[in-house]
Amino acid sequence: MPILPVLPVNVIRATLTLGTAVVDTNINVFRDIDGALLFWYDPRDLRIIHATYPHQISSVSCSSTASVDAEEQQIKEGL
């Protein structure tokens, strides 16, 4: 038995706005599916997911520095 494609029963043209991000897109409506299905680039363009999606997010490295005055350092050392 051949596999048939899943086709939407309707397609709605919409403008989605989230904060300052605006996306003009098609919203596909499927039978027996509650909710809206968006293409992956719509949430990306609305800044809901990472800007480089679907590429892997690179590891994050950071360094921090702190300055501690002499009195605070003595308290920490129990002097």
PDB file of N, CA and C in Angstrom:
ATOM      1  N   MET A   1       0.849  -1.175   0.000  1.00  0.00           N
ATOM      2  CA  MET A   1       0.000   0.000   0.000  1.00  0.00           C
ATOM      3  C   MET A   1       0.898   1.242   0.000  1.00  0.00           C
ATOM      4  N   PRO A   2       0.718   2.151  -0.933  1.00  0.00           N
ATOM      5  CA  PRO A   2       1.578   3.345  -1.004  1.00  0.00           C
ATOM      6  C   PRO A   2       1.291   4.312   0.145  1.00  0.00           C
ATOM      7  N   ILE A   3       2.325   5.029   0.523  1.00  0.00           N
ATOM      8  CA  ILE A   3       2.181   6.058   1.558  1.00  0.00           C
ATOM      9  C   ILE A   3       1.697   7.336   0.888  1.00  0.00           C
ATOM     10  N   LEU A   4       0.586   7.843   1.369  1.00  0.00           N
ATOM     11  CA  LEU A   4       0.008   9.051   0.794  1.00  0.00           C
ATOM     12  C   LEU A   4       0.485  10.279   1.557  1.00  0.00           C
ATOM     13  N   PRO A   5       0.692  11.378   0.870  1.00  0.00           N
ATOM     14  CA  PRO A   5       1.115  12.598   1.568  1.00  0.00           C
ATOM     15  C   PRO A   5      -0.015  13.147   2.439  1.00  0.00           C
ATOM     16  N   VAL A   6       0.363  13.791   3.514  1.00  0.00           N
ATOM     17  CA  VAL A   6      -0.613  14.446   4.383  1.00  0.00           C
ATOM     18  C   VAL A   6      -0.808  15.856   3.845  1.00  0.00           C
ATOM     19  N   LEU A   7      -2.005  16.135   3.404  1.00  0.00           N
ATOM     20  CA  LEU A   7      -2.287  17.432   2.806  1.00  0.00           C
ATOM     21  C   LEU A   7      -3.178  18.256   3.730  1.00  0.00           C
ATOM     22  N   PRO A   8      -2.946  19.549   3.804  1.00  0.00           N
ATOM     23  CA  PRO A   8      -3.801  20.388   4.641  1.00  0.00           C
ATOM     24  C   PRO A   8      -5.204  20.497   4.043  1.00  0.00           C
ATOM     25  N   VAL A   9      -6.205  20.663   4.933  1.00  0.00           N
ATOM     26  CA  VAL A   9      -7.569  20.872   4.454  1.00  0.00           C
ATOM     27  C   VAL A   9      -7.796  22.345   4.126  1.00  0.00           C
ATOM     28  N   ASN A  10      -6.913  23.201   4.646  1.00  0.00           N
ATOM     29  CA  ASN A  10      -7.009  24.625   4.355  1.00  0.00           C
ATOM     30  C   ASN A  10      -5.658  25.273   4.636  1.00  0.00           C
ATOM     31  N   VAL A  11      -5.407  26.379   3.986  1.00  0.00           N
ATOM     32  CA  VAL A  11      -4.206  27.177   4.226  1.00  0.00           C
ATOM     33  C   VAL A  11      -4.663  28.610   4.434  1.00  0.00           C
ATOM     34  N   ILE A  12      -4.232  29.197   5.547  1.00  0.00           N
ATOM     35  CA  ILE A  12      -4.633  30.556   5.892  1.00  0.00           C
ATOM     36  C   ILE A  12      -3.407  31.455   5.811  1.00  0.00           C
ATOM     37  N   ARG A  13      -3.509  32.515   5.057  1.00  0.00           N
ATOM     38  CA  ARG A  13      -2.428  33.509   4.983  1.00  0.00           C
ATOM     39  C   ARG A  13      -2.589  34.433   6.178  1.00  0.00           C
ATOM     40  N   ALA A  14      -1.499  34.645   6.941  1.00  0.00           N
ATOM     41  CA  ALA A  14      -1.598  35.446   8.158  1.00  0.00           C
ATOM     42  C   ALA A  14      -0.327  36.251   8.385  1.00  0.00           C
ATOM     43  N   THR A  15      -0.475  37.328   9.114  1.00  0.00           N
ATOM     44  CA  THR A  15       0.654  38.110   9.596  1.00  0.00           C
ATOM     45  C   THR A  15       0.735  37.887  11.096  1.00  0.00           C
ATOM     46  N   LEU A  16       1.858  37.337  11.556  1.00  0.00           N
ATOM     47  CA  LEU A  16       2.074  37.070  12.976  1.00  0.00           C
ATOM     48  C   LEU A  16       2.994  38.137  13.538  1.00  0.00           C
ATOM     49  N   THR A  17       2.659  38.646  14.718  1.00  0.00           N
ATOM     50  CA  THR A  17       3.456  39.680  15.360  1.00  0.00           C
ATOM     51  C   THR A  17       3.758  39.252  16.784  1.00  0.00           C
ATOM     52  N   LEU A  18       5.023  39.352  17.171  1.00  0.00           N
ATOM     53  CA  LEU A  18       5.448  39.085  18.538  1.00  0.00           C
ATOM     54  C   LEU A  18       6.475  40.139  18.895  1.00  0.00           C
ATOM     55  N   GLY A  19       6.092  41.076  19.753  1.00  0.00           N
ATOM     56  CA  GLY A  19       6.976  42.193  20.057  1.00  0.00           C
ATOM     57  C   GLY A  19       7.190  43.012  18.800  1.00  0.00           C
ATOM     58  N   THR A  20       8.450  43.181  18.422  1.00  0.00           N
ATOM     59  CA  THR A  20       8.761  43.947  17.210  1.00  0.00           C
ATOM     60  C   THR A  20       8.935  43.055  15.981  1.00  0.00           C
ATOM     61  N   ALA A  21       8.887  41.745  16.172  1.00  0.00           N
ATOM     62  CA  ALA A  21       9.057  40.808  15.053  1.00  0.00           C
ATOM     63  C   ALA A  21       7.724  40.598  14.337  1.00  0.00           C
ATOM     64  N   VAL A  22       7.757  40.650  13.016  1.00  0.00           N
ATOM     65  CA  VAL A  22       6.560  40.465  12.193  1.00  0.00           C
ATOM     66  C   VAL A  22       6.879  39.442  11.105  1.00  0.00           C
ATOM     67  N   VAL A  23       5.979  38.467  10.920  1.00  0.00           N
ATOM     68  CA  VAL A  23       6.174  37.418   9.922  1.00  0.00           C
ATOM     69  C   VAL A  23       4.892  37.260   9.109  1.00  0.00           C
ATOM     70  N   ASP A  24       5.007  37.317   7.798  1.00  0.00           N
ATOM     71  CA  ASP A  24       3.899  36.977   6.899  1.00  0.00           C
ATOM     72  C   ASP A  24       4.083  35.520   6.507  1.00  0.00           C
ATOM     73  N   THR A  25       3.070  34.689   6.757  1.00  0.00           N
ATOM     74  CA  THR A  25       3.247  33.254   6.567  1.00  0.00           C
ATOM     75  C   THR A  25       1.948  32.571   6.185  1.00  0.00           C
ATOM     76  N   ASN A  26       2.048  31.302   5.874  1.00  0.00           N
ATOM     77  CA  ASN A  26       0.881  30.441   5.676  1.00  0.00           C
ATOM     78  C   ASN A  26       0.720  29.569   6.907  1.00  0.00           C
ATOM     79  N   ILE A  27      -0.497  29.484   7.425  1.00  0.00           N
ATOM     80  CA  ILE A  27      -0.812  28.563   8.515  1.00  0.00           C
ATOM     81  C   ILE A  27      -1.587  27.414   7.893  1.00  0.00           C
ATOM     82  N   ASN A  28      -1.052  26.210   8.040  1.00  0.00           N
ATOM     83  CA  ASN A  28      -1.671  25.020   7.462  1.00  0.00           C
ATOM     84  C   ASN A  28      -2.614  24.389   8.471  1.00  0.00           C
ATOM     85  N   VAL A  29      -3.820  24.071   8.036  1.00  0.00           N
ATOM     86  CA  VAL A  29      -4.831  23.448   8.890  1.00  0.00           C
ATOM     87  C   VAL A  29      -5.000  22.004   8.429  1.00  0.00           C
ATOM     88  N   PHE A  30      -4.809  21.066   9.373  1.00  0.00           N
ATOM     89  CA  PHE A  30      -4.925  19.643   9.066  1.00  0.00           C
ATOM     90  C   PHE A  30      -6.084  19.038   9.846  1.00  0.00           C
ATOM     91  N   ARG A  31      -6.694  18.051   9.265  1.00  0.00           N
ATOM     92  CA  ARG A  31      -7.778  17.331   9.927  1.00  0.00           C
ATOM     93  C   ARG A  31      -7.216  16.580  11.144  1.00  0.00           C
ATOM     94  N   ASP A  32      -7.955  16.571  12.225  1.00  0.00           N
ATOM     95  CA  ASP A  32      -7.624  15.838  13.458  1.00  0.00           C
ATOM     96  C   ASP A  32      -6.371  16.344  14.163  1.00  0.00           C
ATOM     97  N   ILE A  33      -5.937  17.550  13.881  1.00  0.00           N
ATOM     98  CA  ILE A  33      -4.805  18.136  14.598  1.00  0.00           C
ATOM     99  C   ILE A  33      -5.278  19.435  15.238  1.00  0.00           C
ATOM    100  N   ASP A  34      -5.236  19.465  16.574  1.00  0.00           N
ATOM    101  CA  ASP A  34      -5.599  20.684  17.297  1.00  0.00           C
ATOM    102  C   ASP A  34      -4.386  21.595  17.359  1.00  0.00           C
ATOM    103  N   GLY A  35      -4.578  22.851  17.105  1.00  0.00           N
ATOM    104  CA  GLY A  35      -3.480  23.803  17.165  1.00  0.00           C
ATOM    105  C   GLY A  35      -2.994  24.156  15.774  1.00  0.00           C
ATOM    106  N   ALA A  36      -2.072  25.077  15.731  1.00  0.00           N
ATOM    107  CA  ALA A  36      -1.538  25.565  14.459  1.00  0.00           C
ATOM    108  C   ALA A  36      -0.183  24.928  14.182  1.00  0.00           C
ATOM    109  N   LEU A  37       0.069  24.631  12.930  1.00  0.00           N
ATOM    110  CA  LEU A  37       1.374  24.122  12.516  1.00  0.00           C
ATOM    111  C   LEU A  37       2.064  25.196  11.693  1.00  0.00           C
ATOM    112  N   LEU A  38       3.243  25.577  12.146  1.00  0.00           N
ATOM    113  CA  LEU A  38       4.026  26.593  11.452  1.00  0.00           C
ATOM    114  C   LEU A  38       5.285  25.949  10.889  1.00  0.00           C
ATOM    115  N   PHE A  39       5.815  26.521   9.840  1.00  0.00           N
ATOM    116  CA  PHE A  39       7.119  26.092   9.363  1.00  0.00           C
ATOM    117  C   PHE A  39       8.170  26.509  10.389  1.00  0.00           C
ATOM    118  N   TRP A  40       9.298  25.797  10.460  1.00  0.00           N
ATOM    119  CA  TRP A  40      10.310  26.047  11.487  1.00  0.00           C
ATOM    120  C   TRP A  40      10.854  27.461  11.419  1.00  0.00           C
ATOM    121  N   TYR A  41      10.879  28.070  10.253  1.00  0.00           N
ATOM    122  CA  TYR A  41      11.481  29.395  10.136  1.00  0.00           C
ATOM    123  C   TYR A  41      10.572  30.500  10.687  1.00  0.00           C
ATOM    124  N   ASP A  42       9.276  30.239  10.857  1.00  0.00           N
ATOM    125  CA  ASP A  42       8.395  31.263  11.430  1.00  0.00           C
ATOM    126  C   ASP A  42       8.721  31.540  12.903  1.00  0.00           C
ATOM    127  N   PRO A  43       8.817  30.514  13.773  1.00  0.00           N
ATOM    128  CA  PRO A  43       9.224  30.800  15.154  1.00  0.00           C
ATOM    129  C   PRO A  43      10.633  31.394  15.241  1.00  0.00           C
ATOM    130  N   ARG A  44      11.514  30.986  14.318  1.00  0.00           N
ATOM    131  CA  ARG A  44      12.859  31.575  14.292  1.00  0.00           C
ATOM    132  C   ARG A  44      12.773  33.063  13.979  1.00  0.00           C
ATOM    133  N   ASP A  45      11.994  33.413  12.965  1.00  0.00           N
ATOM    134  CA  ASP A  45      11.869  34.817  12.574  1.00  0.00           C
ATOM    135  C   ASP A  45      11.106  35.643  13.608  1.00  0.00           C
ATOM    136  N   LEU A  46      10.279  34.983  14.422  1.00  0.00           N
ATOM    137  CA  LEU A  46       9.585  35.663  15.522  1.00  0.00           C
ATOM    138  C   LEU A  46      10.450  35.719  16.783  1.00  0.00           C
ATOM    139  N   ARG A  47      11.659  35.142  16.699  1.00  0.00           N
ATOM    140  CA  ARG A  47      12.640  35.107  17.789  1.00  0.00           C
ATOM    141  C   ARG A  47      12.187  34.242  18.973  1.00  0.00           C
ATOM    142  N   ILE A  48      11.384  33.215  18.669  1.00  0.00           N
ATOM    143  CA  ILE A  48      10.974  32.255  19.694  1.00  0.00           C
ATOM    144  C   ILE A  48      12.057  31.193  19.867  1.00  0.00           C
ATOM    145  N   ILE A  49      12.714  30.830  18.766  1.00  0.00           N
ATOM    146  CA  ILE A  49      13.818  29.872  18.820  1.00  0.00           C
ATOM    147  C   ILE A  49      15.087  30.557  18.316  1.00  0.00           C
ATOM    148  N   HIS A  50      16.219  29.922  18.540  1.00  0.00           N
ATOM    149  CA  HIS A  50      17.529  30.494  18.234  1.00  0.00           C
ATOM    150  C   HIS A  50      17.651  30.904  16.765  1.00  0.00           C
ATOM    151  N   ALA A  51      18.321  31.995  16.506  1.00  0.00           N
ATOM    152  CA  ALA A  51      18.432  32.575  15.161  1.00  0.00           C
ATOM    153  C   ALA A  51      19.113  31.654  14.156  1.00  0.00           C
ATOM    154  N   THR A  52      19.988  30.750  14.604  1.00  0.00           N
ATOM    155  CA  THR A  52      20.683  29.860  13.672  1.00  0.00           C
ATOM    156  C   THR A  52      19.994  28.506  13.526  1.00  0.00           C
ATOM    157  N   TYR A  53      18.820  28.328  14.145  1.00  0.00           N
ATOM    158  CA  TYR A  53      18.086  27.075  13.993  1.00  0.00           C
ATOM    159  C   TYR A  53      17.852  26.814  12.508  1.00  0.00           C
ATOM    160  N   PRO A  54      18.027  25.626  11.989  1.00  0.00           N
ATOM    161  CA  PRO A  54      18.172  24.338  12.643  1.00  0.00           C
ATOM    162  C   PRO A  54      19.609  23.902  12.888  1.00  0.00           C
ATOM    163  N   HIS A  55      20.565  24.806  12.741  1.00  0.00           N
ATOM    164  CA  HIS A  55      21.958  24.453  13.008  1.00  0.00           C
ATOM    165  C   HIS A  55      22.180  24.311  14.509  1.00  0.00           C
ATOM    166  N   GLN A  56      23.110  23.444  14.869  1.00  0.00           N
ATOM    167  CA  GLN A  56      23.409  23.201  16.271  1.00  0.00           C
ATOM    168  C   GLN A  56      23.937  24.472  16.920  1.00  0.00           C
ATOM    169  N   ILE A  57      23.498  24.714  18.145  1.00  0.00           N
ATOM    170  CA  ILE A  57      23.983  25.865  18.894  1.00  0.00           C
ATOM    171  C   ILE A  57      25.388  25.542  19.385  1.00  0.00           C
ATOM    172  N   SER A  58      26.335  26.429  19.125  1.00  0.00           N
ATOM    173  CA  SER A  58      27.710  26.187  19.550  1.00  0.00           C
ATOM    174  C   SER A  58      27.812  26.338  21.060  1.00  0.00           C
ATOM    175  N   SER A  59      28.819  25.701  21.619  1.00  0.00           N
ATOM    176  CA  SER A  59      29.000  25.779  23.063  1.00  0.00           C
ATOM    177  C   SER A  59      29.312  27.213  23.461  1.00  0.00           C
ATOM    178  N   VAL A  60      28.905  27.541  24.642  1.00  0.00           N
ATOM    179  CA  VAL A  60      29.087  28.899  25.142  1.00  0.00           C
ATOM    180  C   VAL A  60      30.235  28.889  26.131  1.00  0.00           C
ATOM    181  N   SER A  61      31.138  29.807  25.962  1.00  0.00           N
ATOM    182  CA  SER A  61      32.214  29.939  26.933  1.00  0.00           C
ATOM    183  C   SER A  61      32.164  31.343  27.485  1.00  0.00           C
ATOM    184  N   CYS A  62      32.506  31.453  28.739  1.00  0.00           N
ATOM    185  CA  CYS A  62      32.512  32.778  29.343  1.00  0.00           C
ATOM    186  C   CYS A  62      33.577  32.810  30.428  1.00  0.00           C
ATOM    187  N   SER A  63      33.985  33.966  30.739  1.00  0.00           N
ATOM    188  CA  SER A  63      34.911  34.148  31.843  1.00  0.00           C
ATOM    189  C   SER A  63      34.375  35.283  32.684  1.00  0.00           C
ATOM    190  N   SER A  64      34.658  35.211  33.946  1.00  0.00           N
ATOM    191  CA  SER A  64      34.190  36.281  34.821  1.00  0.00           C
ATOM    192  C   SER A  64      35.344  36.730  35.701  1.00  0.00           C
ATOM    193  N   THR A  65      35.304  37.958  36.054  1.00  0.00           N
ATOM    194  CA  THR A  65      36.298  38.511  36.960  1.00  0.00           C
ATOM    195  C   THR A  65      35.558  39.219  38.073  1.00  0.00           C
ATOM    196  N   ALA A  66      36.171  39.234  39.210  1.00  0.00           N
ATOM    197  CA  ALA A  66      35.566  39.915  40.351  1.00  0.00           C
ATOM    198  C   ALA A  66      36.665  40.600  41.134  1.00  0.00           C
ATOM    199  N   SER A  67      36.328  41.720  41.678  1.00  0.00           N
ATOM    200  CA  SER A  67      37.282  42.392  42.553  1.00  0.00           C
ATOM    201  C   SER A  67      36.715  42.356  43.963  1.00  0.00           C
ATOM    202  N   VAL A  68      37.562  42.006  44.885  1.00  0.00           N
ATOM    203  CA  VAL A  68      37.162  41.905  46.286  1.00  0.00           C
ATOM    204  C   VAL A  68      38.103  42.785  47.084  1.00  0.00           C
ATOM    205  N   ASP A  69      37.518  43.661  47.862  1.00  0.00           N
ATOM    206  CA  ASP A  69      38.396  44.520  48.654  1.00  0.00           C
ATOM    207  C   ASP A  69      39.026  43.723  49.795  1.00  0.00           C
ATOM    208  N   ALA A  70      40.063  44.261  50.391  1.00  0.00           N
ATOM    209  CA  ALA A  70      40.864  43.557  51.401  1.00  0.00           C
ATOM    210  C   ALA A  70      40.026  43.150  52.606  1.00  0.00           C
ATOM    211  N   GLU A  71      39.136  44.012  53.066  1.00  0.00           N
ATOM    212  CA  GLU A  71      38.316  43.700  54.245  1.00  0.00           C
ATOM    213  C   GLU A  71      37.392  42.517  53.963  1.00  0.00           C
ATOM    214  N   GLU A  72      36.756  42.502  52.805  1.00  0.00           N
ATOM    215  CA  GLU A  72      35.872  41.399  52.449  1.00  0.00           C
ATOM    216  C   GLU A  72      36.667  40.108  52.319  1.00  0.00           C
ATOM    217  N   GLN A  73      37.876  40.177  51.773  1.00  0.00           N
ATOM    218  CA  GLN A  73      38.720  38.998  51.635  1.00  0.00           C
ATOM    219  C   GLN A  73      39.092  38.446  53.004  1.00  0.00           C
ATOM    220  N   GLN A  74      39.380  39.316  53.959  1.00  0.00           N
ATOM    221  CA  GLN A  74      39.720  38.870  55.307  1.00  0.00           C
ATOM    222  C   GLN A  74      38.528  38.184  55.959  1.00  0.00           C
ATOM    223  N   ILE A  75      37.334  38.698  55.748  1.00  0.00           N
ATOM    224  CA  ILE A  75      36.135  38.072  56.307  1.00  0.00           C
ATOM    225  C   ILE A  75      35.971  36.675  55.731  1.00  0.00           C
ATOM    226  N   LYS A  76      36.171  36.529  54.441  1.00  0.00           N
ATOM    227  CA  LYS A  76      36.040  35.226  53.798  1.00  0.00           C
ATOM    228  C   LYS A  76      37.075  34.242  54.325  1.00  0.00           C
ATOM    229  N   GLU A  77      38.270  34.739  54.628  1.00  0.00           N
ATOM    230  CA  GLU A  77      39.340  33.867  55.099  1.00  0.00           C
ATOM    231  C   GLU A  77      39.274  33.653  56.600  1.00  0.00           C
ATOM    232  N   GLY A  78      38.342  34.330  57.263  1.00  0.00           N
ATOM    233  CA  GLY A  78      38.174  34.154  58.699  1.00  0.00           C
ATOM    234  C   GLY A  78      39.236  34.830  59.530  1.00  0.00           C
ATOM    235  N   LEU A  79      39.832  35.907  59.038  1.00  0.00           N
ATOM    236  CA  LEU A  79      40.872  36.618  59.773  1.00  0.00           C
ATOM    237  C   LEU A  79      40.296  37.708  60.624  1.00  0.00           C
TER     238      LEU A  79
END
